[in-house]
Amino acid sequence: MTLTLQGIGRFSKPDGDVVWAGLTTPQSLLILHHRLADGLNASGFQAEKRFSSHITLARNARGTLPQLETQHETVVDRLMLFHSTRVQDRLQYIPIYEVPFKG
């Protein structure tokens, strides 16, 4: 799956913002999201209803955002699921599942 970075933005938070790079949302990514959410819901997990394709670049960020002058493409070759948890007030991401995309 090829994704295109297109712009940088932020989610405002009182203790510092979350800075993200926006992504194109090809149909294949939407299908993957829906299938994954359906599977998680069927397994007893509560998947979020909202979907915003982005890559988180920084947390607790302050200051001016840089500009993304051009679009950048990246090829995604696998799906990884992480469990996020706080350890000593720091967010930790623990990989729990990985599967390569079939070419």
PDB file of N, CA and C in Angstrom:
ATOM      1  N   MET A   1       0.854  -1.162   0.000  1.00  0.00           N
ATOM      2  CA  MET A   1       0.000   0.000   0.000  1.00  0.00           C
ATOM      3  C   MET A   1       0.906   1.233   0.000  1.00  0.00           C
ATOM      4  N   THR A   2       0.621   2.164  -0.868  1.00  0.00           N
ATOM      5  CA  THR A   2       1.391   3.401  -0.915  1.00  0.00           C
ATOM      6  C   THR A   2       0.579   4.519  -0.270  1.00  0.00           C
ATOM      7  N   LEU A   3       1.197   5.210   0.670  1.00  0.00           N
ATOM      8  CA  LEU A   3       0.566   6.339   1.342  1.00  0.00           C
ATOM      9  C   LEU A   3       1.359   7.595   1.048  1.00  0.00           C
ATOM     10  N   THR A   4       0.679   8.723   0.973  1.00  0.00           N
ATOM     11  CA  THR A   4       1.323   9.992   0.697  1.00  0.00           C
ATOM     12  C   THR A   4       1.143  10.923   1.881  1.00  0.00           C
ATOM     13  N   LEU A   5       2.269  11.408   2.422  1.00  0.00           N
ATOM     14  CA  LEU A   5       2.222  12.417   3.472  1.00  0.00           C
ATOM     15  C   LEU A   5       1.825  13.732   2.824  1.00  0.00           C
ATOM     16  N   GLN A   6       0.873  14.426   3.452  1.00  0.00           N
ATOM     17  CA  GLN A   6       0.434  15.690   2.851  1.00  0.00           C
ATOM     18  C   GLN A   6       0.073  16.698   3.929  1.00  0.00           C
ATOM     19  N   GLY A   7       1.075  17.304   4.509  1.00  0.00           N
ATOM     20  CA  GLY A   7       0.853  18.355   5.487  1.00  0.00           C
ATOM     21  C   GLY A   7       1.104  17.912   6.908  1.00  0.00           C
ATOM     22  N   ILE A   8       1.351  18.897   7.742  1.00  0.00           N
ATOM     23  CA  ILE A   8       1.594  18.678   9.160  1.00  0.00           C
ATOM     24  C   ILE A   8       0.559  19.468   9.937  1.00  0.00           C
ATOM     25  N   GLY A   9       0.051  18.871  11.011  1.00  0.00           N
ATOM     26  CA  GLY A   9      -0.940  19.541  11.833  1.00  0.00           C
ATOM     27  C   GLY A   9      -0.767  19.173  13.282  1.00  0.00           C
ATOM     28  N   ARG A  10      -1.733  19.622  14.110  1.00  0.00           N
ATOM     29  CA  ARG A  10      -1.635  19.342  15.532  1.00  0.00           C
ATOM     30  C   ARG A  10      -3.004  19.139  16.134  1.00  0.00           C
ATOM     31  N   PHE A  11      -3.052  18.284  17.145  1.00  0.00           N
ATOM     32  CA  PHE A  11      -4.210  18.161  18.012  1.00  0.00           C
ATOM     33  C   PHE A  11      -3.840  18.930  19.270  1.00  0.00           C
ATOM     34  N   SER A  12      -4.581  19.976  19.600  1.00  0.00           N
ATOM     35  CA  SER A  12      -4.260  20.805  20.757  1.00  0.00           C
ATOM     36  C   SER A  12      -4.590  20.092  22.057  1.00  0.00           C
ATOM     37  N   LYS A  13      -3.641  20.114  22.970  1.00  0.00           N
ATOM     38  CA  LYS A  13      -3.789  19.520  24.295  1.00  0.00           C
ATOM     39  C   LYS A  13      -3.278  20.534  25.328  1.00  0.00           C
ATOM     40  N   PRO A  14      -3.883  20.590  26.518  1.00  0.00           N
ATOM     41  CA  PRO A  14      -3.443  21.555  27.527  1.00  0.00           C
ATOM     42  C   PRO A  14      -1.982  21.386  27.955  1.00  0.00           C
ATOM     43  N   ASP A  15      -1.497  20.144  28.005  1.00  0.00           N
ATOM     44  CA  ASP A  15      -0.126  19.895  28.466  1.00  0.00           C
ATOM     45  C   ASP A  15       0.876  19.795  27.321  1.00  0.00           C
ATOM     46  N   GLY A  16       0.506  20.194  26.135  1.00  0.00           N
ATOM     47  CA  GLY A  16       1.381  20.116  24.969  1.00  0.00           C
ATOM     48  C   GLY A  16       0.663  19.379  23.855  1.00  0.00           C
ATOM     49  N   ASP A  17       0.853  19.815  22.639  1.00  0.00           N
ATOM     50  CA  ASP A  17       0.097  19.301  21.502  1.00  0.00           C
ATOM     51  C   ASP A  17       0.654  17.989  20.967  1.00  0.00           C
ATOM     52  N   VAL A  18      -0.206  17.285  20.219  1.00  0.00           N
ATOM     53  CA  VAL A  18       0.215  16.115  19.449  1.00  0.00           C
ATOM     54  C   VAL A  18       0.413  16.598  18.021  1.00  0.00           C
ATOM     55  N   VAL A  19       1.607  16.437  17.492  1.00  0.00           N
ATOM     56  CA  VAL A  19       1.931  16.870  16.126  1.00  0.00           C
ATOM     57  C   VAL A  19       1.867  15.645  15.223  1.00  0.00           C
ATOM     58  N   TRP A  20       1.220  15.813  14.054  1.00  0.00           N
ATOM     59  CA  TRP A  20       1.010  14.686  13.153  1.00  0.00           C
ATOM     60  C   TRP A  20       1.267  15.093  11.708  1.00  0.00           C
ATOM     61  N   ALA A  21       1.563  14.086  10.895  1.00  0.00           N
ATOM     62  CA  ALA A  21       1.649  14.254   9.442  1.00  0.00           C
ATOM     63  C   ALA A  21       0.395  13.621   8.855  1.00  0.00           C
ATOM     64  N   GLY A  22      -0.339  14.378   8.068  1.00  0.00           N
ATOM     65  CA  GLY A  22      -1.544  13.865   7.430  1.00  0.00           C
ATOM     66  C   GLY A  22      -1.205  12.916   6.299  1.00  0.00           C
ATOM     67  N   LEU A  23      -2.103  11.976   6.042  1.00  0.00           N
ATOM     68  CA  LEU A  23      -1.908  10.984   4.993  1.00  0.00           C
ATOM     69  C   LEU A  23      -3.084  10.985   4.032  1.00  0.00           C
ATOM     70  N   THR A  24      -2.814  10.616   2.795  1.00  0.00           N
ATOM     71  CA  THR A  24      -3.916  10.315   1.897  1.00  0.00           C
ATOM     72  C   THR A  24      -4.643   9.109   2.463  1.00  0.00           C
ATOM     73  N   THR A  25      -5.890   8.953   2.091  1.00  0.00           N
ATOM     74  CA  THR A  25      -6.663   7.812   2.589  1.00  0.00           C
ATOM     75  C   THR A  25      -7.176   7.024   1.389  1.00  0.00           C
ATOM     76  N   PRO A  26      -6.326   6.153   0.824  1.00  0.00           N
ATOM     77  CA  PRO A  26      -6.790   5.345  -0.303  1.00  0.00           C
ATOM     78  C   PRO A  26      -7.868   4.359   0.140  1.00  0.00           C
ATOM     79  N   GLN A  27      -8.651   3.901  -0.793  1.00  0.00           N
ATOM     80  CA  GLN A  27      -9.741   2.962  -0.504  1.00  0.00           C
ATOM     81  C   GLN A  27      -9.230   1.732   0.238  1.00  0.00           C
ATOM     82  N   SER A  28      -8.040   1.263  -0.116  1.00  0.00           N
ATOM     83  CA  SER A  28      -7.491   0.066   0.540  1.00  0.00           C
ATOM     84  C   SER A  28      -7.262   0.312   2.031  1.00  0.00           C
ATOM     85  N   LEU A  29      -6.893   1.538   2.423  1.00  0.00           N
ATOM     86  CA  LEU A  29      -6.704   1.851   3.839  1.00  0.00           C
ATOM     87  C   LEU A  29      -8.040   1.913   4.570  1.00  0.00           C
ATOM     88  N   LEU A  30      -9.065   2.468   3.929  1.00  0.00           N
ATOM     89  CA  LEU A  30     -10.397   2.492   4.534  1.00  0.00           C
ATOM     90  C   LEU A  30     -10.945   1.080   4.739  1.00  0.00           C
ATOM     91  N   ILE A  31     -10.756   0.226   3.754  1.00  0.00           N
ATOM     92  CA  ILE A  31     -11.206  -1.165   3.875  1.00  0.00           C
ATOM     93  C   ILE A  31     -10.472  -1.852   5.020  1.00  0.00           C
ATOM     94  N   LEU A  32      -9.162  -1.654   5.103  1.00  0.00           N
ATOM     95  CA  LEU A  32      -8.379  -2.238   6.189  1.00  0.00           C
ATOM     96  C   LEU A  32      -8.880  -1.743   7.540  1.00  0.00           C
ATOM     97  N   HIS A  33      -9.135  -0.456   7.650  1.00  0.00           N
ATOM     98  CA  HIS A  33      -9.641   0.120   8.904  1.00  0.00           C
ATOM     99  C   HIS A  33     -10.973  -0.509   9.304  1.00  0.00           C
ATOM    100  N   HIS A  34     -11.907  -0.612   8.362  1.00  0.00           N
ATOM    101  CA  HIS A  34     -13.220  -1.180   8.672  1.00  0.00           C
ATOM    102  C   HIS A  34     -13.114  -2.658   9.076  1.00  0.00           C
ATOM    103  N   ARG A  35     -12.305  -3.415   8.364  1.00  0.00           N
ATOM    104  CA  ARG A  35     -12.142  -4.838   8.701  1.00  0.00           C
ATOM    105  C   ARG A  35     -11.501  -5.007  10.080  1.00  0.00           C
ATOM    106  N   LEU A  36     -10.500  -4.200  10.345  1.00  0.00           N
ATOM    107  CA  LEU A  36      -9.831  -4.271  11.640  1.00  0.00           C
ATOM    108  C   LEU A  36     -10.787  -3.867  12.761  1.00  0.00           C
ATOM    109  N   ALA A  37     -11.533  -2.790  12.586  1.00  0.00           N
ATOM    110  CA  ALA A  37     -12.497  -2.348  13.599  1.00  0.00           C
ATOM    111  C   ALA A  37     -13.575  -3.394  13.830  1.00  0.00           C
ATOM    112  N   ASP A  38     -14.081  -3.994  12.755  1.00  0.00           N
ATOM    113  CA  ASP A  38     -15.094  -5.044  12.899  1.00  0.00           C
ATOM    114  C   ASP A  38     -14.545  -6.233  13.687  1.00  0.00           C
ATOM    115  N   GLY A  39     -13.318  -6.644  13.375  1.00  0.00           N
ATOM    116  CA  GLY A  39     -12.702  -7.763  14.084  1.00  0.00           C
ATOM    117  C   GLY A  39     -12.453  -7.446  15.548  1.00  0.00           C
ATOM    118  N   LEU A  40     -11.993  -6.232  15.837  1.00  0.00           N
ATOM    119  CA  LEU A  40     -11.769  -5.840  17.231  1.00  0.00           C
ATOM    120  C   LEU A  40     -13.082  -5.797  18.001  1.00  0.00           C
ATOM    121  N   ASN A  41     -14.119  -5.220  17.391  1.00  0.00           N
ATOM    122  CA  ASN A  41     -15.426  -5.157  18.050  1.00  0.00           C
ATOM    123  C   ASN A  41     -15.972  -6.558  18.317  1.00  0.00           C
ATOM    124  N   ALA A  42     -15.820  -7.472  17.360  1.00  0.00           N
ATOM    125  CA  ALA A  42     -16.301  -8.850  17.525  1.00  0.00           C
ATOM    126  C   ALA A  42     -15.540  -9.586  18.623  1.00  0.00           C
ATOM    127  N   SER A  43     -14.309  -9.143  18.908  1.00  0.00           N
ATOM    128  CA  SER A  43     -13.483  -9.776  19.943  1.00  0.00           C
ATOM    129  C   SER A  43     -13.644  -9.105  21.308  1.00  0.00           C
ATOM    130  N   GLY A  44     -14.549  -8.144  21.387  1.00  0.00           N
ATOM    131  CA  GLY A  44     -14.801  -7.506  22.674  1.00  0.00           C
ATOM    132  C   GLY A  44     -14.063  -6.208  22.910  1.00  0.00           C
ATOM    133  N   PHE A  45     -13.296  -5.742  21.943  1.00  0.00           N
ATOM    134  CA  PHE A  45     -12.617  -4.457  22.058  1.00  0.00           C
ATOM    135  C   PHE A  45     -13.531  -3.371  21.508  1.00  0.00           C
ATOM    136  N   GLN A  46     -13.431  -2.181  22.051  1.00  0.00           N
ATOM    137  CA  GLN A  46     -14.228  -1.062  21.555  1.00  0.00           C
ATOM    138  C   GLN A  46     -13.368  -0.228  20.609  1.00  0.00           C
ATOM    139  N   ALA A  47     -13.547  -0.410  19.311  1.00  0.00           N
ATOM    140  CA  ALA A  47     -12.797   0.360  18.324  1.00  0.00           C
ATOM    141  C   ALA A  47     -13.399   1.756  18.214  1.00  0.00           C
ATOM    142  N   GLU A  48     -12.542   2.758  18.011  1.00  0.00           N
ATOM    143  CA  GLU A  48     -13.028   4.124  17.842  1.00  0.00           C
ATOM    144  C   GLU A  48     -13.813   4.241  16.547  1.00  0.00           C
ATOM    145  N   LYS A  49     -14.846   5.052  16.569  1.00  0.00           N
ATOM    146  CA  LYS A  49     -15.668   5.246  15.369  1.00  0.00           C
ATOM    147  C   LYS A  49     -15.016   6.242  14.409  1.00  0.00           C
ATOM    148  N   ARG A  50     -14.296   7.201  14.959  1.00  0.00           N
ATOM    149  CA  ARG A  50     -13.659   8.203  14.097  1.00  0.00           C
ATOM    150  C   ARG A  50     -12.378   7.626  13.493  1.00  0.00           C
ATOM    151  N   PHE A  51     -11.995   8.146  12.345  1.00  0.00           N
ATOM    152  CA  PHE A  51     -10.789   7.673  11.678  1.00  0.00           C
ATOM    153  C   PHE A  51     -10.117   8.851  11.009  1.00  0.00           C
ATOM    154  N   SER A  52      -8.896   9.088  11.364  1.00  0.00           N
ATOM    155  CA  SER A  52      -8.105  10.162  10.777  1.00  0.00           C
ATOM    156  C   SER A  52      -6.751   9.568  10.415  1.00  0.00           C
ATOM    157  N   SER A  53      -6.509   9.392   9.134  1.00  0.00           N
ATOM    158  CA  SER A  53      -5.248   8.761   8.734  1.00  0.00           C
ATOM    159  C   SER A  53      -4.104   9.759   8.918  1.00  0.00           C
ATOM    160  N   HIS A  54      -3.213   9.413   9.830  1.00  0.00           N
ATOM    161  CA  HIS A  54      -2.076  10.274  10.151  1.00  0.00           C
ATOM    162  C   HIS A  54      -0.975   9.449  10.810  1.00  0.00           C
ATOM    163  N   ILE A  55       0.193  10.046  10.885  1.00  0.00           N
ATOM    164  CA  ILE A  55       1.311   9.473  11.616  1.00  0.00           C
ATOM    165  C   ILE A  55       1.648  10.456  12.728  1.00  0.00           C
ATOM    166  N   THR A  56       1.623   9.986  13.970  1.00  0.00           N
ATOM    167  CA  THR A  56       1.988  10.847  15.093  1.00  0.00           C
ATOM    168  C   THR A  56       3.494  11.053  15.077  1.00  0.00           C
ATOM    169  N   LEU A  57       3.895  12.326  15.097  1.00  0.00           N
ATOM    170  CA  LEU A  57       5.319  12.665  15.062  1.00  0.00           C
ATOM    171  C   LEU A  57       5.857  13.050  16.431  1.00  0.00           C
ATOM    172  N   ALA A  58       5.026  13.694  17.260  1.00  0.00           N
ATOM    173  CA  ALA A  58       5.495  14.154  18.577  1.00  0.00           C
ATOM    174  C   ALA A  58       4.310  14.327  19.511  1.00  0.00           C
ATOM    175  N   ARG A  59       4.566  14.129  20.792  1.00  0.00           N
ATOM    176  CA  ARG A  59       3.575  14.371  21.841  1.00  0.00           C
ATOM    177  C   ARG A  59       4.129  15.436  22.782  1.00  0.00           C
ATOM    178  N   ASN A  60       3.216  16.147  23.454  1.00  0.00           N
ATOM    179  CA  ASN A  60       3.598  17.214  24.385  1.00  0.00           C
ATOM    180  C   ASN A  60       4.463  18.269  23.693  1.00  0.00           C
ATOM    181  N   ALA A  61       4.144  18.546  22.438  1.00  0.00           N
ATOM    182  CA  ALA A  61       4.928  19.478  21.633  1.00  0.00           C
ATOM    183  C   ALA A  61       4.469  20.913  21.874  1.00  0.00           C
ATOM    184  N   ARG A  62       5.382  21.810  21.768  1.00  0.00           N
ATOM    185  CA  ARG A  62       5.101  23.242  21.874  1.00  0.00           C
ATOM    186  C   ARG A  62       5.889  23.946  20.770  1.00  0.00           C
ATOM    187  N   GLY A  63       5.425  25.103  20.376  1.00  0.00           N
ATOM    188  CA  GLY A  63       6.161  25.878  19.386  1.00  0.00           C
ATOM    189  C   GLY A  63       5.502  25.858  18.024  1.00  0.00           C
ATOM    190  N   THR A  64       6.196  26.391  17.060  1.00  0.00           N
ATOM    191  CA  THR A  64       5.696  26.547  15.700  1.00  0.00           C
ATOM    192  C   THR A  64       5.911  25.270  14.902  1.00  0.00           C
ATOM    193  N   LEU A  65       4.907  24.934  14.098  1.00  0.00           N
ATOM    194  CA  LEU A  65       5.017  23.743  13.251  1.00  0.00           C
ATOM    195  C   LEU A  65       5.854  24.033  12.018  1.00  0.00           C
ATOM    196  N   PRO A  66       6.681  23.073  11.603  1.00  0.00           N
ATOM    197  CA  PRO A  66       7.368  23.227  10.319  1.00  0.00           C
ATOM    198  C   PRO A  66       6.366  23.020   9.188  1.00  0.00           C
ATOM    199  N   GLN A  67       6.713  23.492   8.022  1.00  0.00           N
ATOM    200  CA  GLN A  67       5.875  23.298   6.842  1.00  0.00           C
ATOM    201  C   GLN A  67       6.398  22.117   6.040  1.00  0.00           C
ATOM    202  N   LEU A  68       5.474  21.322   5.505  1.00  0.00           N
ATOM    203  CA  LEU A  68       5.837  20.228   4.608  1.00  0.00           C
ATOM    204  C   LEU A  68       5.676  20.778   3.200  1.00  0.00           C
ATOM    205  N   GLU A  69       6.784  21.063   2.551  1.00  0.00           N
ATOM    206  CA  GLU A  69       6.772  21.764   1.263  1.00  0.00           C
ATOM    207  C   GLU A  69       6.285  20.902   0.109  1.00  0.00           C
ATOM    208  N   THR A  70       6.575  19.620   0.164  1.00  0.00           N
ATOM    209  CA  THR A  70       6.173  18.733  -0.919  1.00  0.00           C
ATOM    210  C   THR A  70       5.517  17.495  -0.323  1.00  0.00           C
ATOM    211  N   GLN A  71       4.803  16.766  -1.157  1.00  0.00           N
ATOM    212  CA  GLN A  71       4.219  15.505  -0.710  1.00  0.00           C
ATOM    213  C   GLN A  71       5.298  14.426  -0.750  1.00  0.00           C
ATOM    214  N   HIS A  72       5.235  13.527   0.202  1.00  0.00           N
ATOM    215  CA  HIS A  72       6.203  12.434   0.267  1.00  0.00           C
ATOM    216  C   HIS A  72       5.445  11.113   0.277  1.00  0.00           C
ATOM    217  N   GLU A  73       5.866  10.185  -0.574  1.00  0.00           N
ATOM    218  CA  GLU A  73       5.224   8.864  -0.625  1.00  0.00           C
ATOM    219  C   GLU A  73       6.027   7.859   0.183  1.00  0.00           C
ATOM    220  N   THR A  74       5.302   6.928   0.787  1.00  0.00           N
ATOM    221  CA  THR A  74       5.942   5.824   1.489  1.00  0.00           C
ATOM    222  C   THR A  74       5.152   4.550   1.217  1.00  0.00           C
ATOM    223  N   VAL A  75       5.856   3.445   1.114  1.00  0.00           N
ATOM    224  CA  VAL A  75       5.213   2.155   0.879  1.00  0.00           C
ATOM    225  C   VAL A  75       5.098   1.434   2.222  1.00  0.00           C
ATOM    226  N   VAL A  76       3.900   0.983   2.530  1.00  0.00           N
ATOM    227  CA  VAL A  76       3.635   0.237   3.764  1.00  0.00           C
ATOM    228  C   VAL A  76       3.581  -1.236   3.391  1.00  0.00           C
ATOM    229  N   ASP A  77       4.404  -2.051   4.054  1.00  0.00           N
ATOM    230  CA  ASP A  77       4.482  -3.459   3.675  1.00  0.00           C
ATOM    231  C   ASP A  77       3.987  -4.412   4.755  1.00  0.00           C
ATOM    232  N   ARG A  78       3.502  -3.875   5.893  1.00  0.00           N
ATOM    233  CA  ARG A  78       2.994  -4.747   6.953  1.00  0.00           C
ATOM    234  C   ARG A  78       2.050  -3.980   7.860  1.00  0.00           C
ATOM    235  N   LEU A  79       1.269  -4.733   8.581  1.00  0.00           N
ATOM    236  CA  LEU A  79       0.372  -4.178   9.584  1.00  0.00           C
ATOM    237  C   LEU A  79       0.899  -4.605  10.945  1.00  0.00           C
ATOM    238  N   MET A  80       1.035  -3.640  11.848  1.00  0.00           N
ATOM    239  CA  MET A  80       1.448  -3.955  13.212  1.00  0.00           C
ATOM    240  C   MET A  80       0.441  -3.337  14.170  1.00  0.00           C
ATOM    241  N   LEU A  81       0.022  -4.127  15.152  1.00  0.00           N
ATOM    242  CA  LEU A  81      -0.845  -3.630  16.213  1.00  0.00           C
ATOM    243  C   LEU A  81      -0.020  -3.495  17.478  1.00  0.00           C
ATOM    244  N   PHE A  82      -0.250  -2.401  18.201  1.00  0.00           N
ATOM    245  CA  PHE A  82       0.461  -2.130  19.436  1.00  0.00           C
ATOM    246  C   PHE A  82      -0.530  -1.945  20.566  1.00  0.00           C
ATOM    247  N   HIS A  83      -0.128  -2.341  21.745  1.00  0.00           N
ATOM    248  CA  HIS A  83      -0.852  -2.020  22.965  1.00  0.00           C
ATOM    249  C   HIS A  83      -0.154  -0.800  23.550  1.00  0.00           C
ATOM    250  N   SER A  84      -0.901   0.271  23.781  1.00  0.00           N
ATOM    251  CA  SER A  84      -0.294   1.452  24.391  1.00  0.00           C
ATOM    252  C   SER A  84      -0.674   1.493  25.859  1.00  0.00           C
ATOM    253  N   THR A  85       0.320   1.741  26.682  1.00  0.00           N
ATOM    254  CA  THR A  85       0.118   1.774  28.125  1.00  0.00           C
ATOM    255  C   THR A  85       1.069   2.804  28.725  1.00  0.00           C
ATOM    256  N   ARG A  86       0.717   3.304  29.882  1.00  0.00           N
ATOM    257  CA  ARG A  86       1.591   4.243  30.585  1.00  0.00           C
ATOM    258  C   ARG A  86       2.425   3.498  31.621  1.00  0.00           C
ATOM    259  N   VAL A  87       3.739   3.725  31.562  1.00  0.00           N
ATOM    260  CA  VAL A  87       4.675   3.177  32.535  1.00  0.00           C
ATOM    261  C   VAL A  87       5.435   4.360  33.114  1.00  0.00           C
ATOM    262  N   GLN A  88       5.280   4.572  34.412  1.00  0.00           N
ATOM    263  CA  GLN A  88       5.889   5.723  35.088  1.00  0.00           C
ATOM    264  C   GLN A  88       5.561   7.014  34.351  1.00  0.00           C
ATOM    265  N   ASP A  89       4.276   7.153  33.998  1.00  0.00           N
ATOM    266  CA  ASP A  89       3.722   8.329  33.330  1.00  0.00           C
ATOM    267  C   ASP A  89       4.293   8.577  31.926  1.00  0.00           C
ATOM    268  N   ARG A  90       4.888   7.568  31.323  1.00  0.00           N
ATOM    269  CA  ARG A  90       5.367   7.675  29.938  1.00  0.00           C
ATOM    270  C   ARG A  90       4.618   6.660  29.098  1.00  0.00           C
ATOM    271  N   LEU A  91       4.204   7.080  27.921  1.00  0.00           N
ATOM    272  CA  LEU A  91       3.477   6.192  27.024  1.00  0.00           C
ATOM    273  C   LEU A  91       4.436   5.184  26.400  1.00  0.00           C
ATOM    274  N   GLN A  92       4.084   3.916  26.492  1.00  0.00           N
ATOM    275  CA  GLN A  92       4.883   2.832  25.922  1.00  0.00           C
ATOM    276  C   GLN A  92       4.027   2.100  24.898  1.00  0.00           C
ATOM    277  N   TYR A  93       4.627   1.710  23.793  1.00  0.00           N
ATOM    278  CA  TYR A  93       3.934   0.952  22.754  1.00  0.00           C
ATOM    279  C   TYR A  93       4.541  -0.443  22.694  1.00  0.00           C
ATOM    280  N   ILE A  94       3.706  -1.461  22.938  1.00  0.00           N
ATOM    281  CA  ILE A  94       4.162  -2.840  22.962  1.00  0.00           C
ATOM    282  C   ILE A  94       3.566  -3.567  21.760  1.00  0.00           C
ATOM    283  N   PRO A  95       4.400  -4.069  20.825  1.00  0.00           N
ATOM    284  CA  PRO A  95       3.856  -4.780  19.663  1.00  0.00           C
ATOM    285  C   PRO A  95       3.148  -6.058  20.103  1.00  0.00           C
ATOM    286  N   ILE A  96       1.933  -6.271  19.570  1.00  0.00           N
ATOM    287  CA  ILE A  96       1.192  -7.478  19.927  1.00  0.00           C
ATOM    288  C   ILE A  96       0.815  -8.322  18.715  1.00  0.00           C
ATOM    289  N   TYR A  97       0.941  -7.771  17.507  1.00  0.00           N
ATOM    290  CA  TYR A  97       0.566  -8.537  16.315  1.00  0.00           C
ATOM    291  C   TYR A  97       1.227  -7.898  15.106  1.00  0.00           C
ATOM    292  N   GLU A  98       1.705  -8.733  14.190  1.00  0.00           N
ATOM    293  CA  GLU A  98       2.307  -8.240  12.959  1.00  0.00           C
ATOM    294  C   GLU A  98       1.998  -9.201  11.830  1.00  0.00           C
ATOM    295  N   VAL A  99       1.624  -8.657  10.674  1.00  0.00           N
ATOM    296  CA  VAL A  99       1.377  -9.471   9.493  1.00  0.00           C
ATOM    297  C   VAL A  99       1.835  -8.680   8.262  1.00  0.00           C
ATOM    298  N   PRO A 100       2.599  -9.320   7.372  1.00  0.00           N
ATOM    299  CA  PRO A 100       3.009  -8.625   6.142  1.00  0.00           C
ATOM    300  C   PRO A 100       1.837  -8.546   5.165  1.00  0.00           C
ATOM    301  N   PHE A 101       1.848  -7.484   4.360  1.00  0.00           N
ATOM    302  CA  PHE A 101       0.874  -7.398   3.276  1.00  0.00           C
ATOM    303  C   PHE A 101       1.330  -8.303   2.159  1.00  0.00           C
ATOM    304  N   LYS A 102       0.378  -8.959   1.507  1.00  0.00           N
ATOM    305  CA  LYS A 102       0.715  -9.828   0.391  1.00  0.00           C
ATOM    306  C   LYS A 102       0.834  -8.997  -0.870  1.00  0.00           C
ATOM    307  N   GLY A 103       1.876  -9.258  -1.646  1.00  0.00           N
ATOM    308  CA  GLY A 103       2.096  -8.495  -2.873  1.00  0.00           C
ATOM    309  C   GLY A 103       1.353  -9.106  -3.980  1.00  0.00           C
TER     310      GLY A 103
END
